[in-house]
Amino acid sequence: MVKFDGRKLAQKKEEDLRKKIKEMGERERNLKLVDILVGEDKINRLYVSLKKKAAQRVGINFKIVKLKAATSVKELSDLVRRLNENRRVGGILFQLPLPDRLKKYQFKIINFIDYKKDVDCLTAQRLGYVLAGEAKILPATVKAVWQILRQAGYSKTSIKGENICILGRSSLVGQPLANWLINLGATVMVGHRKTKNLSRLTRQAKIIISATGKANLVKGNMVEEGTVVIDVGSPQGDVDFFSVAPKTSFITPVPGGVGPVTVVSLLENFVCLQS
C-alpha cells in the first residue's frame, strides 16, 4: 500500500511554478489573484490563508477581499464587475461554500466572474469546455485528482476502460470530475451519501474517489483488495482510513493528501490564464 504525500508533490509543483513566474513579463508577474471570502466560517478562513501562503511562496500577488455574511447578491455583483474591469487583476475566485443565505444563488454568483479570469474553472463557460473535452484549465480539485491518479500510475492511455466510482455529485467536484474521466475513456459510476446499497458500486471499482463531505462514509468492507482510493472529503475526510488503507494499493490521507495539490493546482491555473 502506498500512502500518498500531497505536501511533497505540491512542493515540487511550487518549485516549477516559481521558475515559470520568474520568466513571465513584468506586467503578468504583477497581476493580482483575488479571493473573495464572504462570512466568518473558520474552515473557509483557513483555506484562504493556506492559498495566500502558497501564493506568496511562488511569487503570486494574492489579495483577500473579506466581506460580511450579510453582503447582498447585488453588492457581490458590483464588486466582481469592478474586478472584471480591473486590468491589474488576472484571476478571481470565491471561497466556497458561500454562507447558507447565499447558497441558492451560488451558481449565479460564480457566474458574475468573467470566464477569462475564472481560475477555479467553475463558471458555466469554463465548465462547458470541460464537458466538451476542450478545457484549457480544469477545476482545481479535478486537476488535483488527475495529478494524483498519475502518481498512482495512471496515464491518459491506461485510464481508458478503468472502472471508477465517484462519490459526490456536486457541480464543484463530482460532476466535472466525472465528465473529465468519461472524456478520457474511463467507465464512471457516480453515487452519493444517499445512494442505496452504496457498497455495490464501490466494490465494482478499481478506483474510488470520494467527495461527499460525510466523514467515514467509505469503510473497509466497501473496498476490494488493491483498490486506489482518493479522499477529497473536507475537512475530516470521507474515508475511514484505518479500515480502508490495508486493502488499498494507493490511498490519500486527510489532511496532507488532495488539499495541498488542489491549492497549487489553483495557482497553476492562474499562471496558465496569463499565457
Protein backbone atom coordinates (compact mmCIF):
# COMPACT_ATOMS: atom_id res chain seq x y z
CA MET A 1 0.00 0.00 0.00
CA VAL A 2 1.26 3.46 -0.96
CA LYS A 3 0.23 6.38 1.25
CA PHE A 4 0.34 9.42 -1.00
CA ASP A 5 2.19 12.53 0.22
CA GLY A 6 0.35 15.54 -1.16
CA ARG A 7 2.64 18.05 0.50
CA LYS A 8 5.69 16.57 -1.24
CA LEU A 9 4.07 16.76 -4.69
CA ALA A 10 2.79 20.29 -4.01
CA GLN A 11 6.29 21.39 -3.01
CA LYS A 12 7.71 20.10 -6.28
CA LYS A 13 4.97 21.81 -8.28
CA GLU A 14 5.58 25.07 -6.39
CA GLU A 15 9.25 24.94 -7.38
CA ASP A 16 8.24 24.61 -11.02
CA LEU A 17 5.77 27.49 -10.66
CA ARG A 18 8.41 29.80 -9.16
CA LYS A 19 10.57 29.25 -12.23
CA LYS A 20 7.67 29.95 -14.61
CA ILE A 21 6.71 33.13 -12.78
CA LYS A 22 10.28 34.45 -12.89
CA GLU A 23 10.20 34.00 -16.66
CA MET A 24 6.96 35.96 -17.07
CA GLY A 25 6.89 39.59 -18.17
CA GLU A 26 6.69 42.32 -15.54
CA ARG A 27 3.02 43.04 -16.21
CA GLU A 28 1.98 39.41 -15.82
CA ARG A 29 4.09 38.96 -12.68
CA ASN A 30 2.32 41.90 -11.04
CA LEU A 31 -1.24 40.78 -11.78
CA LYS A 32 -3.38 40.05 -8.74
CA LEU A 33 -5.20 36.87 -7.85
CA VAL A 34 -8.26 37.94 -5.83
CA ASP A 35 -10.01 35.54 -3.44
CA ILE A 36 -13.40 36.74 -2.16
CA LEU A 37 -14.22 35.49 1.34
CA VAL A 38 -17.83 36.03 2.43
CA GLY A 39 -18.62 35.46 6.12
CA GLU A 40 -16.61 34.19 9.08
CA ASP A 41 -16.56 30.41 8.57
CA LYS A 42 -13.39 29.12 10.25
CA ILE A 43 -12.68 26.42 7.68
CA ASN A 44 -13.07 28.87 4.79
CA ARG A 45 -10.76 31.33 6.52
CA LEU A 46 -8.17 28.58 6.98
CA TYR A 47 -8.30 27.58 3.31
CA VAL A 48 -7.94 31.17 2.16
CA SER A 49 -4.93 31.57 4.45
CA LEU A 50 -3.32 28.42 3.02
CA LYS A 51 -3.84 29.69 -0.53
CA LYS A 52 -2.32 33.05 0.33
CA LYS A 53 0.77 31.46 1.89
CA ALA A 54 1.26 29.18 -1.12
CA ALA A 55 0.86 32.14 -3.50
CA GLN A 56 3.45 34.13 -1.57
CA ARG A 57 5.89 31.21 -1.74
CA VAL A 58 5.74 31.10 -5.53
CA GLY A 59 5.59 34.86 -6.10
CA ILE A 60 1.93 35.44 -6.94
CA ASN A 61 0.31 38.71 -5.83
CA PHE A 62 -2.60 37.32 -3.80
CA LYS A 63 -5.31 39.57 -2.37
CA ILE A 64 -8.11 38.55 0.00
CA VAL A 65 -11.35 40.56 -0.07
CA LYS A 66 -13.23 39.90 3.17
CA LEU A 67 -16.98 40.60 3.24
CA LYS A 68 -19.69 40.18 5.84
CA ALA A 69 -22.09 37.24 5.62
CA ALA A 70 -24.90 39.77 5.16
CA THR A 71 -23.43 41.02 1.87
CA SER A 72 -26.13 41.09 -0.80
CA VAL A 73 -26.05 39.45 -4.22
CA LYS A 74 -26.14 42.93 -5.77
CA GLU A 75 -23.09 44.00 -3.75
CA LEU A 76 -21.23 40.88 -4.86
CA SER A 77 -22.19 41.55 -8.48
CA ASP A 78 -20.91 45.12 -8.27
CA LEU A 79 -17.64 44.01 -6.67
CA VAL A 80 -16.96 41.33 -9.27
CA ARG A 81 -17.83 43.69 -12.11
CA ARG A 82 -15.17 46.10 -10.87
CA LEU A 83 -12.63 43.28 -10.57
CA ASN A 84 -13.51 42.04 -14.06
CA GLU A 85 -12.81 45.51 -15.43
CA ASN A 86 -9.60 45.99 -13.44
CA ARG A 87 -6.67 45.29 -15.77
CA ARG A 88 -4.42 44.69 -12.76
CA VAL A 89 -6.50 41.67 -11.72
CA GLY A 90 -5.60 38.43 -13.53
CA GLY A 91 -7.80 36.00 -11.62
CA ILE A 92 -10.89 35.94 -9.39
CA LEU A 93 -12.48 33.28 -7.23
CA PHE A 94 -14.94 32.91 -4.39
CA GLN A 95 -14.07 30.86 -1.33
CA LEU A 96 -16.77 28.19 -1.33
CA PRO A 97 -19.19 27.28 0.01
CA LEU A 98 -20.85 30.65 0.45
CA PRO A 99 -22.85 31.35 3.63
CA ASP A 100 -26.18 29.49 3.89
CA ARG A 101 -28.27 32.53 2.95
CA LEU A 102 -26.40 32.79 -0.38
CA LYS A 103 -26.10 29.09 -1.29
CA LYS A 104 -29.18 29.07 -3.52
CA TYR A 105 -27.56 31.86 -5.55
CA GLN A 106 -24.09 30.27 -5.59
CA PHE A 107 -24.02 29.31 -9.28
CA LYS A 108 -25.36 32.72 -10.27
CA ILE A 109 -22.75 34.46 -8.11
CA ILE A 110 -19.88 32.38 -9.51
CA ASN A 111 -21.01 33.38 -12.99
CA PHE A 112 -20.54 37.05 -12.23
CA ILE A 113 -16.85 36.29 -12.85
CA ASP A 114 -15.55 36.88 -16.37
CA TYR A 115 -14.65 33.37 -17.56
CA LYS A 116 -11.27 34.71 -18.73
CA LYS A 117 -10.43 35.41 -15.07
CA ASP A 118 -12.10 32.27 -13.67
CA VAL A 119 -9.10 30.46 -12.15
CA ASP A 120 -11.28 27.91 -10.35
CA CYS A 121 -12.92 26.88 -13.66
CA LEU A 122 -16.44 26.92 -12.20
CA THR A 123 -18.29 29.39 -14.43
CA ALA A 124 -20.74 27.91 -16.92
CA GLN A 125 -18.46 28.69 -19.86
CA ARG A 126 -15.40 27.07 -18.28
CA LEU A 127 -17.42 24.00 -17.22
CA GLY A 128 -18.80 23.81 -20.74
CA TYR A 129 -15.26 23.43 -22.07
CA VAL A 130 -14.65 20.64 -19.54
CA LEU A 131 -17.83 18.87 -20.66
CA ALA A 132 -16.79 19.18 -24.31
CA GLY A 133 -13.29 17.90 -23.60
CA GLU A 134 -11.78 21.19 -24.76
CA ALA A 135 -10.71 22.70 -21.43
CA LYS A 136 -7.61 24.91 -21.20
CA ILE A 137 -7.76 24.55 -17.42
CA LEU A 138 -9.64 22.19 -15.08
CA PRO A 139 -11.39 22.93 -11.78
CA ALA A 140 -8.59 22.93 -9.20
CA THR A 141 -9.82 19.84 -7.35
CA VAL A 142 -10.40 17.91 -10.58
CA LYS A 143 -6.87 18.78 -11.72
CA ALA A 144 -5.50 17.70 -8.33
CA VAL A 145 -7.27 14.33 -8.52
CA TRP A 146 -5.90 13.73 -12.02
CA GLN A 147 -2.37 14.63 -10.89
CA ILE A 148 -2.73 12.16 -8.02
CA LEU A 149 -4.02 9.43 -10.34
CA ARG A 150 -0.89 9.96 -12.40
CA GLN A 151 1.15 9.44 -9.24
CA ALA A 152 -0.78 6.20 -8.75
CA GLY A 153 0.48 5.06 -12.15
CA TYR A 154 -2.35 6.05 -14.49
CA SER A 155 -1.98 7.87 -17.80
CA LYS A 156 -4.48 9.12 -20.36
CA THR A 157 -3.96 5.80 -22.10
CA SER A 158 -4.13 3.39 -19.16
CA ILE A 159 -7.18 5.07 -17.59
CA LYS A 160 -9.30 4.05 -20.59
CA GLY A 161 -11.89 1.44 -19.63
CA GLU A 162 -10.98 1.54 -15.93
CA ASN A 163 -13.93 1.19 -13.53
CA ILE A 164 -14.12 4.34 -11.39
CA CYS A 165 -16.64 5.12 -8.66
CA ILE A 166 -17.07 8.80 -7.79
CA LEU A 167 -18.96 9.55 -4.59
CA GLY A 168 -20.40 13.05 -4.67
CA ARG A 169 -22.39 14.78 -7.39
CA SER A 170 -21.69 18.46 -6.76
CA SER A 171 -21.14 20.88 -9.62
CA LEU A 172 -17.87 21.85 -7.92
CA VAL A 173 -16.19 18.42 -7.89
CA GLY A 174 -18.26 15.31 -8.66
CA GLN A 175 -19.86 16.34 -11.92
CA PRO A 176 -16.86 17.96 -13.65
CA LEU A 177 -14.60 15.15 -12.43
CA ALA A 178 -16.97 12.53 -13.87
CA ASN A 179 -17.10 14.40 -17.19
CA TRP A 180 -13.31 14.69 -17.37
CA LEU A 181 -12.75 10.99 -16.69
CA ILE A 182 -15.51 9.94 -19.11
CA ASN A 183 -13.85 12.05 -21.81
CA LEU A 184 -10.62 10.17 -21.09
CA GLY A 185 -12.44 6.90 -21.76
CA ALA A 186 -12.93 5.66 -18.19
CA THR A 187 -16.08 3.81 -17.10
CA VAL A 188 -17.55 6.04 -14.41
CA MET A 189 -20.20 5.28 -11.80
CA VAL A 190 -21.49 8.16 -9.65
CA GLY A 191 -23.03 7.69 -6.22
CA HIS A 192 -23.58 9.88 -3.17
CA ARG A 193 -24.27 9.66 0.52
CA LYS A 194 -27.94 8.70 -0.04
CA THR A 195 -27.30 6.08 -2.71
CA LYS A 196 -28.93 2.78 -1.74
CA ASN A 197 -26.51 -0.13 -1.27
CA LEU A 198 -23.54 2.13 -1.93
CA SER A 199 -21.07 -0.69 -1.39
CA ARG A 200 -22.47 -2.41 -4.51
CA LEU A 201 -20.98 0.44 -6.54
CA THR A 202 -17.72 0.81 -4.65
CA ARG A 203 -16.88 -2.90 -4.79
CA GLN A 204 -17.06 -2.83 -8.60
CA ALA A 205 -14.49 -0.05 -8.82
CA LYS A 206 -10.73 -0.23 -9.24
CA ILE A 207 -10.61 3.47 -8.30
CA ILE A 208 -12.81 5.15 -5.67
CA ILE A 209 -12.86 8.95 -5.44
CA SER A 210 -14.98 10.29 -2.59
CA ALA A 211 -16.04 13.96 -2.33
CA THR A 212 -19.23 13.97 -0.26
CA GLY A 213 -18.09 15.74 2.93
CA LYS A 214 -19.56 12.93 5.05
CA ALA A 215 -16.94 11.71 7.50
CA ASN A 216 -16.07 7.99 7.39
CA LEU A 217 -18.59 7.25 4.65
CA VAL A 218 -16.25 4.77 2.98
CA LYS A 219 -15.37 1.79 5.19
CA GLY A 220 -13.15 -1.22 4.73
CA ASN A 221 -15.97 -3.61 3.85
CA MET A 222 -16.85 -1.39 0.86
CA VAL A 223 -13.46 -1.75 -0.81
CA GLU A 224 -11.93 -4.64 -2.74
CA GLU A 225 -8.27 -5.60 -2.38
CA GLY A 226 -5.87 -3.48 -4.43
CA THR A 227 -8.23 -0.53 -4.93
CA VAL A 228 -6.94 3.03 -5.43
CA VAL A 229 -8.76 5.37 -3.01
CA ILE A 230 -8.67 9.16 -3.28
CA ASP A 231 -10.30 11.05 -0.41
CA VAL A 232 -11.48 14.53 -1.38
CA GLY A 233 -13.64 14.88 1.73
CA SER A 234 -13.30 18.07 3.73
CA PRO A 235 -12.46 18.89 6.43
CA GLN A 236 -12.35 15.45 8.07
CA GLY A 237 -12.22 13.11 5.11
CA ASP A 238 -14.81 10.71 3.69
CA VAL A 239 -12.71 7.58 4.18
CA ASP A 240 -12.29 5.54 7.36
CA PHE A 241 -8.55 5.44 6.76
CA PHE A 242 -7.58 2.72 9.21
CA SER A 243 -10.10 0.17 7.94
CA VAL A 244 -9.70 1.04 4.25
CA ALA A 245 -5.94 1.59 3.89
CA PRO A 246 -4.83 -2.04 4.41
CA LYS A 247 -6.97 -3.12 1.44
CA THR A 248 -5.71 -0.49 -0.98
CA SER A 249 -2.78 -0.31 -3.37
CA PHE A 250 -2.74 3.51 -3.11
CA ILE A 251 -4.57 5.89 -0.77
CA THR A 252 -4.61 9.61 0.03
CA PRO A 253 -4.76 10.77 3.66
CA VAL A 254 -6.67 13.72 5.10
CA PRO A 255 -5.02 16.08 5.78
CA GLY A 256 -1.96 16.12 3.56
CA GLY A 257 -3.43 14.42 0.50
CA VAL A 258 -5.65 16.12 -2.06
CA GLY A 259 -5.71 19.51 -0.29
CA PRO A 260 -2.14 20.73 -0.92
CA VAL A 261 -2.30 19.58 -4.55
CA THR A 262 -5.59 21.44 -5.05
CA VAL A 263 -4.07 24.68 -3.78
CA VAL A 264 -1.08 24.51 -6.11
CA SER A 265 -3.35 23.45 -9.00
CA LEU A 266 -5.32 26.67 -8.49
CA LEU A 267 -2.10 28.69 -8.69
CA GLU A 268 -1.09 26.80 -11.83
CA ASN A 269 -4.44 27.75 -13.36
CA PHE A 270 -3.78 31.41 -12.59
CA VAL A 271 -0.40 31.30 -14.32
CA CYS A 272 -1.85 29.38 -17.26
CA LEU A 273 -4.53 32.03 -17.85
CA GLN A 274 -1.85 34.71 -18.17
CA SER A 275 -0.20 32.93 -21.10
